[in-house]
Amino acid sequence: MQTPMKVLVANRGEIAVRVLRACRDLGLPAVAVYSEADREALHTRYAEEAVCVGPTPARESYLSIPAIMEAVRKTGAQAIHPGYGFLSENADFAQAVEDAGLTFIGPDARTLRLTGDKLVARRVAREAGLPVLPGPDNVLPEDGGHPDLGVVFTGPVMVKAVAGGGGRGIRLVRRPEELAAAVAAARREALAAFGDDSVYLEPFVEPARHIEVQILGDGAGKVLCLGERECSVQRRRQKMIEEAPAPSLSAGQRRFIFDAAAKLGRALNYRSLGTVEFLLSPSGDFHFIEINPRIQVEHPVTEMVTGLDLVKEQLLLAQGHPLRLRQDDIIVRGAAIEARVLAEAGAGVRAVDVLPSTGEITYLKEPGGPGIRVDSLLYQGLRVTADYDSLLAKVIAWGEPSPSGDSRTVAIQRLRRALQEFQIGGVVTDLDLLLQILGDLEFVAANVHTTFLDDFECRVPEQEPAVARDIAAAAAFLVHQQRQSPESMPGRVRLRSAATAWRTTAWREQM
């Protein structure tokens, strides 16, 4: 009998928990890694085995190839799942894994060199016959200059990181004089997130929709399209709400992007999960922008409408199992929408005006009910810091098919209800903003684009600091208890009891 493959999850947060759960479902032993800041993180607690890979800065822990490989050596892991972000698209990392005789759960190093570099990916896509946005296929020089800017582009441009994804290392430039500052800012963010500060230019299309196709390949020429996703609701180029399928696409448009995505996957001899991303212009034309060679943050909406476990499919392929699915097996049922719950505080009336929020999770009640899924890194007592991404949880709602074909409306209604149920004490989040977006008439009508939130005016209520609110509520409860039961007890005990009671749902609902 074959010994189960031991998997090291080279990531943190909700995606690390997600992969660890998939390993447990398949009976695979798994190892978590953590930085010193994540010693008490949920993924560290959940794993059967966990290894510290360095201090808090990502460059010294989660982005350190030597540190990750040393953790592999210590634990005897035979495979590495990189999740998303960090080293997930790093070809040098994949090469180090392969050279050590281990399994990289994702595309091989050769494919990552072709896709992890966005400029190389553009050239490969163009050679495969995909429509690619025009623009120079070269990295901007270190000083941020580009003498041909006014000649090459007649409108706004995007400064984009060559490595990575997830909206990191991207800046919009509307005037040539803004370029140098935008390049410097994009470089700083890209270096912190991916360890590579290379950037390039791409024309900015507006208003445009961001549509992506989920692919799954076996590395031997077989590539499946698992449906598409609408990812147009973005803030500062980072997705906030995603859905599957993309609303209001015609059968011809859907067939076009599926054919294009599969063609690129076959050209790359693609293995594992990947996402081929397109912009849909107002004229109805699709343009390839990049391929993300990893699992995506928004993969749950695809899982909800197809019934597939995408991480499980990755793990099975990594164990040497043949791809058991055929294209005809992929059936999309209903609609699913995902909202990203972030640790952010409103700093103004616009949706783009936010600041990071930190603190201890003093109270937590996650939503449930029909059609609801929550992928989270939260637990009561967790300390949320500003050291990493602000993503706390993803709430996904599924709407079942109906004779009226209104499954998207059902998904929206369920997601609104779930976000209203979600209670997080101690940290300010974007829950109110998400609810306002879901209730917006343009969103409900699926009239969205990548700059939809740029001028979205939100009504984020002023929130008191979490500690002050809890103390005030605890004091109110204490007075209430003393009136009901005047027997004496030490003040410290009374205050502790009051704080505990405040964190229960019943008492919060009385306030």
Protein backbone atom coordinates (compact mmCIF):
# COMPACT_ATOMS: atom_id res chain seq x y z
CA MET A 1 0.00 0.00 0.00
CA GLN A 2 1.35 3.41 -1.01
CA THR A 3 2.36 5.74 1.84
CA PRO A 4 0.27 8.95 1.81
CA MET A 5 2.13 11.96 0.43
CA LYS A 6 3.13 14.46 3.12
CA VAL A 7 2.26 18.02 2.08
CA LEU A 8 3.86 21.22 3.36
CA VAL A 9 1.60 24.26 2.90
CA ALA A 10 3.88 27.22 2.15
CA ASN A 11 1.38 29.94 2.97
CA ARG A 12 -0.73 31.43 5.75
CA GLY A 13 -4.26 32.62 6.54
CA GLU A 14 -7.47 31.28 5.09
CA ILE A 15 -5.86 29.66 2.03
CA ALA A 16 -3.49 27.68 4.26
CA VAL A 17 -6.47 26.46 6.31
CA ARG A 18 -8.31 25.60 3.07
CA VAL A 19 -5.44 23.46 1.78
CA LEU A 20 -4.91 21.79 5.15
CA ARG A 21 -8.57 20.80 5.21
CA ALA A 22 -8.33 19.29 1.73
CA CYS A 23 -5.30 17.29 2.84
CA ARG A 24 -7.20 16.02 5.86
CA ASP A 25 -10.15 15.02 3.66
CA LEU A 26 -7.79 12.92 1.53
CA GLY A 27 -5.97 11.45 4.51
CA LEU A 28 -2.72 13.20 3.64
CA PRO A 29 -0.41 14.29 6.48
CA ALA A 30 0.21 18.03 6.26
CA VAL A 31 2.59 20.61 7.68
CA ALA A 32 1.99 24.33 8.22
CA VAL A 33 4.67 26.99 8.24
CA TYR A 34 4.43 30.25 10.14
CA SER A 35 6.33 33.43 10.88
CA GLU A 36 6.88 34.66 14.41
CA ALA A 37 3.86 36.95 14.00
CA ASP A 38 1.69 33.96 13.08
CA ARG A 39 2.66 31.72 15.98
CA GLU A 40 -0.96 31.72 17.18
CA ALA A 41 -2.62 31.93 13.75
CA LEU A 42 -5.49 29.60 12.86
CA HIS A 43 -3.54 27.67 10.22
CA THR A 44 -0.77 27.08 12.75
CA ARG A 45 -3.24 25.77 15.29
CA TYR A 46 -5.16 23.66 12.77
CA ALA A 47 -2.20 21.78 11.33
CA GLU A 48 -1.01 18.47 12.73
CA GLU A 49 2.55 19.80 12.51
CA ALA A 50 3.82 23.38 12.24
CA VAL A 51 7.28 24.89 11.74
CA CYS A 52 8.45 28.47 12.24
CA VAL A 53 10.22 29.75 9.12
CA GLY A 54 11.45 33.10 10.36
CA PRO A 55 10.63 36.54 11.73
CA THR A 56 7.59 38.64 10.87
CA PRO A 57 8.72 40.29 7.59
CA ALA A 58 7.53 38.14 4.69
CA ARG A 59 10.90 38.43 2.92
CA GLU A 60 12.48 36.65 5.90
CA SER A 61 9.82 33.97 6.27
CA TYR A 62 7.06 33.25 3.74
CA LEU A 63 9.13 34.62 0.84
CA SER A 64 12.37 32.95 1.90
CA ILE A 65 13.07 29.93 -0.31
CA PRO A 66 15.89 28.68 1.95
CA ALA A 67 13.64 28.91 5.02
CA ILE A 68 10.80 27.01 3.33
CA MET A 69 13.14 24.33 1.99
CA GLU A 70 14.68 23.92 5.44
CA ALA A 71 11.17 23.35 6.83
CA VAL A 72 10.68 20.66 4.18
CA ARG A 73 13.91 18.99 5.24
CA LYS A 74 12.99 19.09 8.92
CA THR A 75 9.54 17.63 8.44
CA GLY A 76 10.21 15.13 5.67
CA ALA A 77 7.47 16.60 3.46
CA GLN A 78 7.35 15.21 -0.08
CA ALA A 79 5.20 17.89 -1.70
CA ILE A 80 4.64 21.64 -1.35
CA HIS A 81 1.40 23.51 -1.94
CA PRO A 82 2.17 27.24 -2.33
CA GLY A 83 -1.41 28.59 -2.07
CA TYR A 84 -1.66 32.04 -3.67
CA GLY A 85 0.64 35.04 -3.35
CA PHE A 86 4.06 34.76 -1.73
CA LEU A 87 6.07 32.10 -3.64
CA SER A 88 3.17 30.58 -5.58
CA GLU A 89 4.34 31.99 -8.93
CA ASN A 90 8.06 31.95 -8.24
CA ALA A 91 9.81 29.77 -10.83
CA ASP A 92 13.02 29.63 -8.77
CA PHE A 93 11.06 28.19 -5.87
CA ALA A 94 9.39 25.56 -8.06
CA GLN A 95 12.80 24.72 -9.54
CA ALA A 96 14.28 24.27 -6.05
CA VAL A 97 11.43 21.93 -5.17
CA GLU A 98 11.91 19.90 -8.36
CA ASP A 99 15.70 19.78 -7.93
CA ALA A 100 15.19 18.36 -4.44
CA GLY A 101 13.16 15.51 -5.94
CA LEU A 102 9.92 16.83 -4.42
CA THR A 103 6.51 17.63 -5.89
CA PHE A 104 5.42 21.20 -6.50
CA ILE A 105 1.61 21.29 -6.39
CA GLY A 106 1.08 23.60 -9.30
CA PRO A 107 2.62 24.16 -12.73
CA ASP A 108 6.21 23.06 -13.25
CA ALA A 109 9.11 25.53 -13.12
CA ARG A 110 9.21 25.85 -16.92
CA THR A 111 5.56 26.90 -17.06
CA LEU A 112 6.03 29.33 -14.19
CA ARG A 113 8.86 31.01 -16.06
CA LEU A 114 6.47 31.52 -18.97
CA THR A 115 3.47 32.64 -16.89
CA GLY A 116 4.84 34.08 -13.66
CA ASP A 117 6.50 36.77 -15.75
CA LYS A 118 3.54 38.72 -17.14
CA LEU A 119 5.51 40.05 -20.10
CA VAL A 120 6.60 36.59 -21.17
CA ALA A 121 3.02 35.39 -20.73
CA ARG A 122 1.82 38.14 -23.09
CA ARG A 123 4.23 36.95 -25.76
CA VAL A 124 3.20 33.31 -25.33
CA ALA A 125 -0.48 34.24 -25.51
CA ARG A 126 0.06 36.31 -28.65
CA GLU A 127 1.91 33.41 -30.30
CA ALA A 128 -0.98 31.09 -29.34
CA GLY A 129 -3.38 33.37 -31.19
CA LEU A 130 -5.04 35.13 -28.25
CA PRO A 131 -6.03 38.81 -28.55
CA VAL A 132 -3.52 40.69 -26.38
CA LEU A 133 -3.65 44.33 -25.33
CA PRO A 134 -1.13 46.42 -27.29
CA GLY A 135 1.97 47.73 -25.58
CA PRO A 136 5.72 47.23 -25.24
CA ASP A 137 6.88 43.81 -24.01
CA ASN A 138 9.74 45.16 -21.92
CA VAL A 139 10.39 46.09 -18.31
CA LEU A 140 10.52 49.77 -17.39
CA PRO A 141 14.00 51.06 -16.56
CA GLU A 142 14.99 51.61 -12.96
CA ASP A 143 14.47 55.39 -13.10
CA GLY A 144 10.82 54.95 -14.15
CA GLY A 145 11.32 56.83 -17.38
CA HIS A 146 9.71 55.87 -20.64
CA PRO A 147 10.41 58.39 -23.40
CA ASP A 148 7.89 56.87 -25.80
CA LEU A 149 4.95 57.05 -23.38
CA GLY A 150 3.10 59.74 -25.31
CA VAL A 151 3.70 57.95 -28.60
CA VAL A 152 2.77 54.44 -27.51
CA PHE A 153 -0.41 55.33 -25.63
CA THR A 154 -3.02 57.97 -26.31
CA GLY A 155 -4.82 57.47 -22.99
CA PRO A 156 -4.32 56.25 -19.40
CA VAL A 157 -1.94 53.38 -18.71
CA MET A 158 -1.45 50.81 -15.96
CA VAL A 159 1.87 50.25 -14.24
CA LYS A 160 1.88 46.53 -13.42
CA ALA A 161 4.23 44.23 -11.56
CA VAL A 162 5.89 41.64 -13.78
CA ALA A 163 5.67 39.05 -10.99
CA GLY A 164 2.76 38.05 -8.78
CA GLY A 165 -0.86 39.06 -8.90
CA GLY A 166 -3.78 39.74 -6.58
CA GLY A 167 -3.83 43.42 -7.47
CA ARG A 168 -0.41 44.02 -5.92
CA GLY A 169 2.10 46.31 -7.58
CA ILE A 170 -0.43 48.05 -9.83
CA ARG A 171 -0.97 51.78 -10.32
CA LEU A 172 -3.13 53.77 -12.74
CA VAL A 173 -1.46 56.66 -14.59
CA ARG A 174 -3.66 59.20 -16.36
CA ARG A 175 -0.98 61.81 -17.13
CA PRO A 176 2.67 61.29 -18.21
CA GLU A 177 3.93 63.45 -15.34
CA GLU A 178 2.42 60.94 -12.86
CA LEU A 179 4.43 58.04 -14.22
CA ALA A 180 7.59 58.28 -12.11
CA ALA A 181 5.72 58.36 -8.78
CA ALA A 182 3.40 55.55 -9.87
CA VAL A 183 6.30 53.36 -10.93
CA ALA A 184 8.09 53.95 -7.61
CA ALA A 185 4.98 53.04 -5.62
CA ALA A 186 4.28 49.93 -7.72
CA ARG A 187 7.89 48.83 -7.34
CA ARG A 188 7.79 49.13 -3.55
CA GLU A 189 4.57 47.12 -3.29
CA ALA A 190 5.74 44.44 -5.74
CA LEU A 191 9.05 44.00 -3.93
CA ALA A 192 7.30 43.58 -0.57
CA ALA A 193 4.73 41.12 -1.94
CA PHE A 194 6.75 39.08 -4.45
CA GLY A 195 10.42 39.88 -3.91
CA ASP A 196 10.65 41.35 -7.45
CA ASP A 197 10.19 45.06 -8.22
CA SER A 198 10.09 44.80 -12.04
CA VAL A 199 7.14 46.63 -13.65
CA TYR A 200 5.79 47.26 -17.15
CA LEU A 201 3.11 49.35 -18.87
CA GLU A 202 -0.26 48.29 -20.24
CA PRO A 203 -3.02 50.46 -21.78
CA PHE A 204 -5.94 51.09 -19.44
CA VAL A 205 -9.34 50.16 -20.85
CA GLU A 206 -12.38 51.85 -19.34
CA PRO A 207 -15.05 51.02 -18.66
CA ALA A 208 -14.05 47.36 -18.90
CA ARG A 209 -15.19 44.14 -17.29
CA HIS A 210 -12.68 41.73 -15.76
CA ILE A 211 -13.59 38.18 -16.80
CA GLU A 212 -11.46 35.16 -16.00
CA VAL A 213 -11.59 31.49 -16.98
CA GLN A 214 -10.63 28.72 -14.56
CA ILE A 215 -8.56 26.00 -16.22
CA LEU A 216 -7.32 22.62 -15.01
CA GLY A 217 -4.62 20.75 -16.92
CA ASP A 218 -2.88 17.42 -16.50
CA GLY A 219 0.50 18.48 -17.93
CA ALA A 220 0.07 16.04 -20.81
CA GLY A 221 -2.00 18.20 -23.15
CA LYS A 222 -5.45 17.84 -21.59
CA VAL A 223 -6.92 21.17 -20.47
CA LEU A 224 -10.42 21.69 -19.07
CA CYS A 225 -12.34 24.95 -18.66
CA LEU A 226 -14.23 24.95 -15.36
CA GLY A 227 -16.33 28.02 -16.11
CA GLU A 228 -15.72 31.73 -15.88
CA ARG A 229 -15.90 34.36 -13.16
CA GLU A 230 -16.85 38.04 -13.07
CA CYS A 231 -14.24 39.97 -11.08
CA SER A 232 -15.02 43.56 -12.06
CA VAL A 233 -15.88 44.93 -8.59
CA GLN A 234 -12.42 46.07 -7.55
CA ARG A 235 -10.91 48.67 -5.29
CA ARG A 236 -7.45 49.91 -6.17
CA ARG A 237 -7.14 46.94 -8.61
CA GLN A 238 -7.89 44.41 -5.86
CA LYS A 239 -11.03 42.34 -6.23
CA MET A 240 -13.72 42.70 -3.57
CA ILE A 241 -16.67 40.76 -4.96
CA GLU A 242 -16.47 37.91 -7.46
CA GLU A 243 -19.16 35.74 -9.00
CA ALA A 244 -19.71 32.74 -11.23
CA PRO A 245 -20.90 32.54 -13.86
CA ALA A 246 -20.26 36.03 -15.26
CA PRO A 247 -23.70 37.58 -15.83
CA SER A 248 -24.98 38.64 -19.24
CA LEU A 249 -22.31 36.95 -21.34
CA SER A 250 -23.64 35.57 -24.60
CA ALA A 251 -23.08 31.94 -25.54
CA GLY A 252 -20.71 33.14 -28.26
CA GLN A 253 -18.64 35.24 -25.86
CA ARG A 254 -18.39 32.40 -23.39
CA ARG A 255 -17.35 29.97 -26.12
CA PHE A 256 -14.71 32.43 -27.36
CA ILE A 257 -12.95 32.85 -24.01
CA PHE A 258 -13.18 29.12 -23.23
CA ASP A 259 -11.54 28.30 -26.56
CA ALA A 260 -8.87 30.95 -25.99
CA ALA A 261 -8.11 29.79 -22.44
CA ALA A 262 -7.89 26.13 -23.49
CA LYS A 263 -5.67 27.06 -26.45
CA LEU A 264 -3.24 28.86 -24.14
CA GLY A 265 -3.31 25.99 -21.66
CA ARG A 266 -2.43 23.49 -24.38
CA ALA A 267 0.33 25.76 -25.69
CA LEU A 268 1.85 25.75 -22.21
CA ASN A 269 1.20 22.03 -21.64
CA TYR A 270 -0.39 23.31 -18.47
CA ARG A 271 -0.52 21.26 -15.25
CA SER A 272 -2.73 21.92 -12.20
CA LEU A 273 -5.02 24.93 -11.68
CA GLY A 274 -4.66 28.26 -13.45
CA THR A 275 -6.71 31.29 -14.39
CA VAL A 276 -6.66 32.98 -17.78
CA GLU A 277 -7.74 36.60 -17.36
CA PHE A 278 -9.38 38.88 -19.90
CA LEU A 279 -10.69 42.42 -20.15
CA LEU A 280 -14.02 42.83 -21.94
CA SER A 281 -14.11 46.27 -23.59
CA PRO A 282 -17.27 48.37 -24.12
CA SER A 283 -17.17 47.33 -27.79
CA GLY A 284 -17.56 43.67 -26.77
CA ASP A 285 -13.97 42.67 -27.56
CA PHE A 286 -11.95 40.45 -25.25
CA HIS A 287 -8.25 41.10 -24.56
CA PHE A 288 -5.93 38.72 -22.74
CA ILE A 289 -4.12 40.40 -19.84
CA GLU A 290 -2.42 37.60 -17.88
CA ILE A 291 -2.53 34.02 -16.64
CA ASN A 292 -2.28 33.36 -12.92
CA PRO A 293 -0.59 29.96 -12.52
CA ARG A 294 -2.01 29.09 -9.12
CA ILE A 295 -5.21 28.73 -7.17
CA GLN A 296 -7.17 31.98 -6.93
CA VAL A 297 -8.66 33.73 -3.90
CA GLU A 298 -12.04 33.48 -5.63
CA HIS A 299 -11.89 29.75 -6.42
CA PRO A 300 -14.83 28.97 -4.06
CA VAL A 301 -17.42 30.47 -6.42
CA THR A 302 -16.32 28.01 -9.10
CA GLU A 303 -16.52 25.18 -6.59
CA MET A 304 -20.02 26.23 -5.57
CA VAL A 305 -21.45 26.20 -9.11
CA THR A 306 -19.60 23.10 -10.38
CA GLY A 307 -19.64 20.96 -7.23
CA LEU A 308 -15.89 20.34 -7.60
CA ASP A 309 -13.21 20.53 -4.91
CA LEU A 310 -10.45 22.30 -6.83
CA VAL A 311 -7.77 21.81 -4.18
CA LYS A 312 -8.58 18.11 -4.07
CA GLU A 313 -8.11 17.94 -7.86
CA GLN A 314 -4.70 19.59 -7.44
CA LEU A 315 -3.67 17.11 -4.77
CA LEU A 316 -4.84 14.09 -6.78
CA LEU A 317 -2.87 15.23 -9.82
CA ALA A 318 0.19 15.76 -7.63
CA GLN A 319 -0.09 12.16 -6.41
CA GLY A 320 0.05 10.91 -9.98
CA HIS A 321 -3.64 10.24 -10.52
CA PRO A 322 -4.87 10.89 -14.07
CA LEU A 323 -7.27 13.76 -14.65
CA ARG A 324 -10.56 11.94 -14.18
CA LEU A 325 -12.82 14.68 -15.52
CA ARG A 326 -13.90 15.41 -19.09
CA GLN A 327 -15.13 18.74 -20.40
CA ASP A 328 -18.66 17.32 -20.64
CA ASP A 329 -18.53 16.58 -16.90
CA ILE A 330 -18.29 20.30 -16.09
CA ILE A 331 -21.83 21.52 -15.52
CA VAL A 332 -22.50 24.94 -14.03
CA ARG A 333 -25.56 25.01 -11.77
CA GLY A 334 -26.97 28.21 -10.32
CA ALA A 335 -24.90 31.24 -9.36
CA ALA A 336 -22.38 31.98 -6.63
CA ILE A 337 -21.04 35.27 -5.28
CA GLU A 338 -18.07 35.83 -2.95
CA ALA A 339 -17.41 38.85 -0.75
CA ARG A 340 -14.04 39.51 0.83
CA VAL A 341 -14.22 40.57 4.48
CA LEU A 342 -11.26 42.83 5.15
CA ALA A 343 -9.79 44.44 8.26
CA GLU A 344 -10.30 47.99 7.08
CA ALA A 345 -11.69 51.20 8.52
CA GLY A 346 -13.42 53.84 6.42
CA ALA A 347 -11.43 57.06 6.19
CA GLY A 348 -13.90 58.99 4.05
CA VAL A 349 -17.13 58.77 2.11
CA ARG A 350 -15.62 57.05 -0.91
CA ALA A 351 -15.18 53.29 -1.06
CA VAL A 352 -11.51 53.71 -1.99
CA ASP A 353 -10.74 55.78 1.12
CA VAL A 354 -9.80 53.19 3.73
CA LEU A 355 -7.14 52.53 6.34
CA PRO A 356 -5.91 49.23 7.82
CA SER A 357 -7.61 48.08 11.00
CA THR A 358 -5.92 46.07 13.74
CA GLY A 359 -6.87 44.67 17.13
CA GLU A 360 -7.91 41.54 18.98
CA ILE A 361 -11.00 39.59 17.92
CA THR A 362 -13.13 39.98 21.05
CA TYR A 363 -16.27 38.40 19.63
CA LEU A 364 -16.99 36.23 16.61
CA LYS A 365 -20.14 34.81 15.09
CA GLU A 366 -19.81 33.54 11.54
CA PRO A 367 -22.91 33.16 9.35
CA GLY A 368 -24.49 29.94 8.13
CA GLY A 369 -27.67 28.68 6.56
CA PRO A 370 -28.60 27.31 3.12
CA GLY A 371 -26.13 28.03 0.37
CA ILE A 372 -23.57 29.79 2.60
CA ARG A 373 -19.87 28.99 2.93
CA VAL A 374 -17.25 30.84 4.99
CA ASP A 375 -13.49 30.50 4.44
CA SER A 376 -11.86 32.25 7.37
CA LEU A 377 -8.70 32.72 9.42
CA LEU A 378 -10.64 34.04 12.42
CA TYR A 379 -11.13 32.84 15.97
CA GLN A 380 -11.98 34.67 19.17
CA GLY A 381 -8.80 35.99 20.75
CA LEU A 382 -6.84 36.25 17.48
CA ARG A 383 -4.67 39.33 17.23
CA VAL A 384 -5.07 41.00 13.82
CA THR A 385 -1.99 42.96 12.77
CA ALA A 386 -1.00 45.01 9.74
CA ASP A 387 1.93 42.74 8.90
CA TYR A 388 0.20 40.94 6.02
CA ASP A 389 -2.85 41.12 3.77
CA SER A 390 -6.02 42.50 5.36
CA LEU A 391 -8.21 39.56 4.22
CA LEU A 392 -9.98 38.05 7.24
CA ALA A 393 -12.60 35.84 5.61
CA LYS A 394 -14.50 35.12 2.43
CA VAL A 395 -18.27 34.67 2.52
CA ILE A 396 -19.70 32.78 -0.44
CA ALA A 397 -23.38 32.42 -1.27
CA TRP A 398 -24.93 30.05 -3.81
CA GLY A 399 -28.28 30.49 -5.48
CA GLU A 400 -29.88 27.36 -6.87
CA PRO A 401 -31.22 27.16 -10.44
CA SER A 402 -34.87 28.11 -10.81
CA PRO A 403 -37.41 28.12 -13.66
CA SER A 404 -37.08 31.90 -13.82
CA GLY A 405 -33.30 31.65 -14.13
CA ASP A 406 -32.94 34.11 -11.27
CA SER A 407 -30.31 32.20 -9.30
CA ARG A 408 -28.07 35.30 -9.14
CA THR A 409 -30.77 37.22 -7.26
CA VAL A 410 -31.06 34.35 -4.78
CA ALA A 411 -27.28 34.37 -4.29
CA ILE A 412 -27.28 38.14 -3.69
CA GLN A 413 -30.09 37.88 -1.15
CA ARG A 414 -28.37 35.04 0.70
CA LEU A 415 -25.05 36.87 0.72
CA ARG A 416 -26.67 40.00 2.11
CA ARG A 417 -28.31 37.99 4.85
CA ALA A 418 -25.02 36.22 5.66
CA LEU A 419 -23.06 39.48 5.87
CA GLN A 420 -25.73 40.93 8.16
CA GLU A 421 -25.30 37.88 10.42
CA PHE A 422 -21.50 38.11 10.46
CA GLN A 423 -20.39 39.62 13.77
CA ILE A 424 -16.76 40.48 14.41
CA GLY A 425 -15.82 42.36 17.56
CA GLY A 426 -12.54 44.17 18.17
CA VAL A 427 -11.60 44.96 14.56
CA VAL A 428 -13.30 47.31 12.11
CA THR A 429 -14.19 45.59 8.83
CA ASP A 430 -15.67 46.37 5.43
CA LEU A 431 -18.96 44.53 6.12
CA ASP A 432 -21.04 47.70 5.83
CA LEU A 433 -19.45 48.62 2.52
CA LEU A 434 -20.02 45.13 1.13
CA LEU A 435 -23.70 45.32 2.06
CA GLN A 436 -24.02 48.68 0.35
CA ILE A 437 -22.42 47.35 -2.84
CA LEU A 438 -24.71 44.32 -2.89
CA GLY A 439 -27.71 46.62 -2.50
CA ASP A 440 -26.63 49.03 -5.22
CA LEU A 441 -29.04 49.05 -8.17
CA GLU A 442 -26.23 49.02 -10.73
CA PHE A 443 -24.63 45.99 -9.08
CA VAL A 444 -27.97 44.18 -8.88
CA ALA A 445 -28.45 44.88 -12.58
CA ALA A 446 -24.89 43.55 -13.24
CA ASN A 447 -23.80 46.91 -14.66
CA VAL A 448 -20.30 46.77 -13.21
CA HIS A 449 -16.80 47.49 -14.48
CA THR A 450 -13.28 47.73 -13.05
CA THR A 451 -13.69 51.38 -11.99
CA PHE A 452 -17.16 50.83 -10.52
CA LEU A 453 -15.97 51.59 -6.98
CA ASP A 454 -13.72 54.55 -7.79
CA ASP A 455 -16.51 57.04 -7.15
CA PHE A 456 -18.77 54.80 -5.10
CA GLU A 457 -20.00 56.88 -2.16
CA CYS A 458 -20.40 54.72 0.90
CA ARG A 459 -22.23 55.39 4.12
CA VAL A 460 -19.88 53.74 6.57
CA PRO A 461 -21.20 54.47 10.07
CA GLU A 462 -18.81 56.00 12.53
CA GLN A 463 -17.53 53.22 14.77
CA GLU A 464 -16.18 53.62 18.28
CA PRO A 465 -12.89 51.93 19.13
CA ALA A 466 -13.62 48.30 19.93
CA VAL A 467 -12.17 48.40 23.44
CA ALA A 468 -14.14 51.49 24.46
CA ARG A 469 -17.34 49.99 23.06
CA ASP A 470 -16.84 46.72 24.94
CA ILE A 471 -16.08 48.51 28.20
CA ALA A 472 -19.15 50.71 27.87
CA ALA A 473 -21.38 47.74 27.08
CA ALA A 474 -19.87 45.70 29.91
CA ALA A 475 -20.54 48.53 32.35
CA ALA A 476 -24.14 48.80 31.18
CA PHE A 477 -24.63 45.09 31.65
CA LEU A 478 -23.05 45.26 35.11
CA VAL A 479 -25.50 47.95 36.21
CA HIS A 480 -28.35 45.85 34.82
CA GLN A 481 -27.16 42.78 36.76
CA GLN A 482 -26.74 44.69 39.99
CA ARG A 483 -30.33 45.90 39.76
CA GLN A 484 -31.56 42.37 39.18
CA SER A 485 -29.28 40.68 41.73
CA PRO A 486 -27.73 43.10 44.25
CA GLU A 487 -25.58 40.51 46.06
CA SER A 488 -22.03 41.67 46.43
CA MET A 489 -19.10 40.21 44.53
CA PRO A 490 -15.59 41.52 43.80
CA GLY A 491 -15.54 44.24 41.15
CA ARG A 492 -12.94 42.48 38.99
CA VAL A 493 -15.11 39.36 38.81
CA ARG A 494 -18.18 41.44 38.02
CA LEU A 495 -16.39 43.23 35.20
CA ARG A 496 -15.07 39.96 33.74
CA SER A 497 -18.56 38.44 33.86
CA ALA A 498 -20.01 41.54 32.25
CA ALA A 499 -17.49 41.49 29.41
CA THR A 500 -18.15 37.80 28.81
CA ALA A 501 -21.89 38.35 28.74
CA TRP A 502 -21.53 41.26 26.32
CA ARG A 503 -19.82 38.97 23.86
CA THR A 504 -22.77 36.57 23.78
CA THR A 505 -25.28 36.96 21.02
CA ALA A 506 -28.28 37.20 23.34
CA TRP A 507 -26.97 40.19 25.24
CA ARG A 508 -25.71 42.00 22.12
CA GLU A 509 -29.19 41.69 20.64
CA GLN A 510 -30.65 43.37 23.74
CA MET A 511 -28.39 46.42 23.39
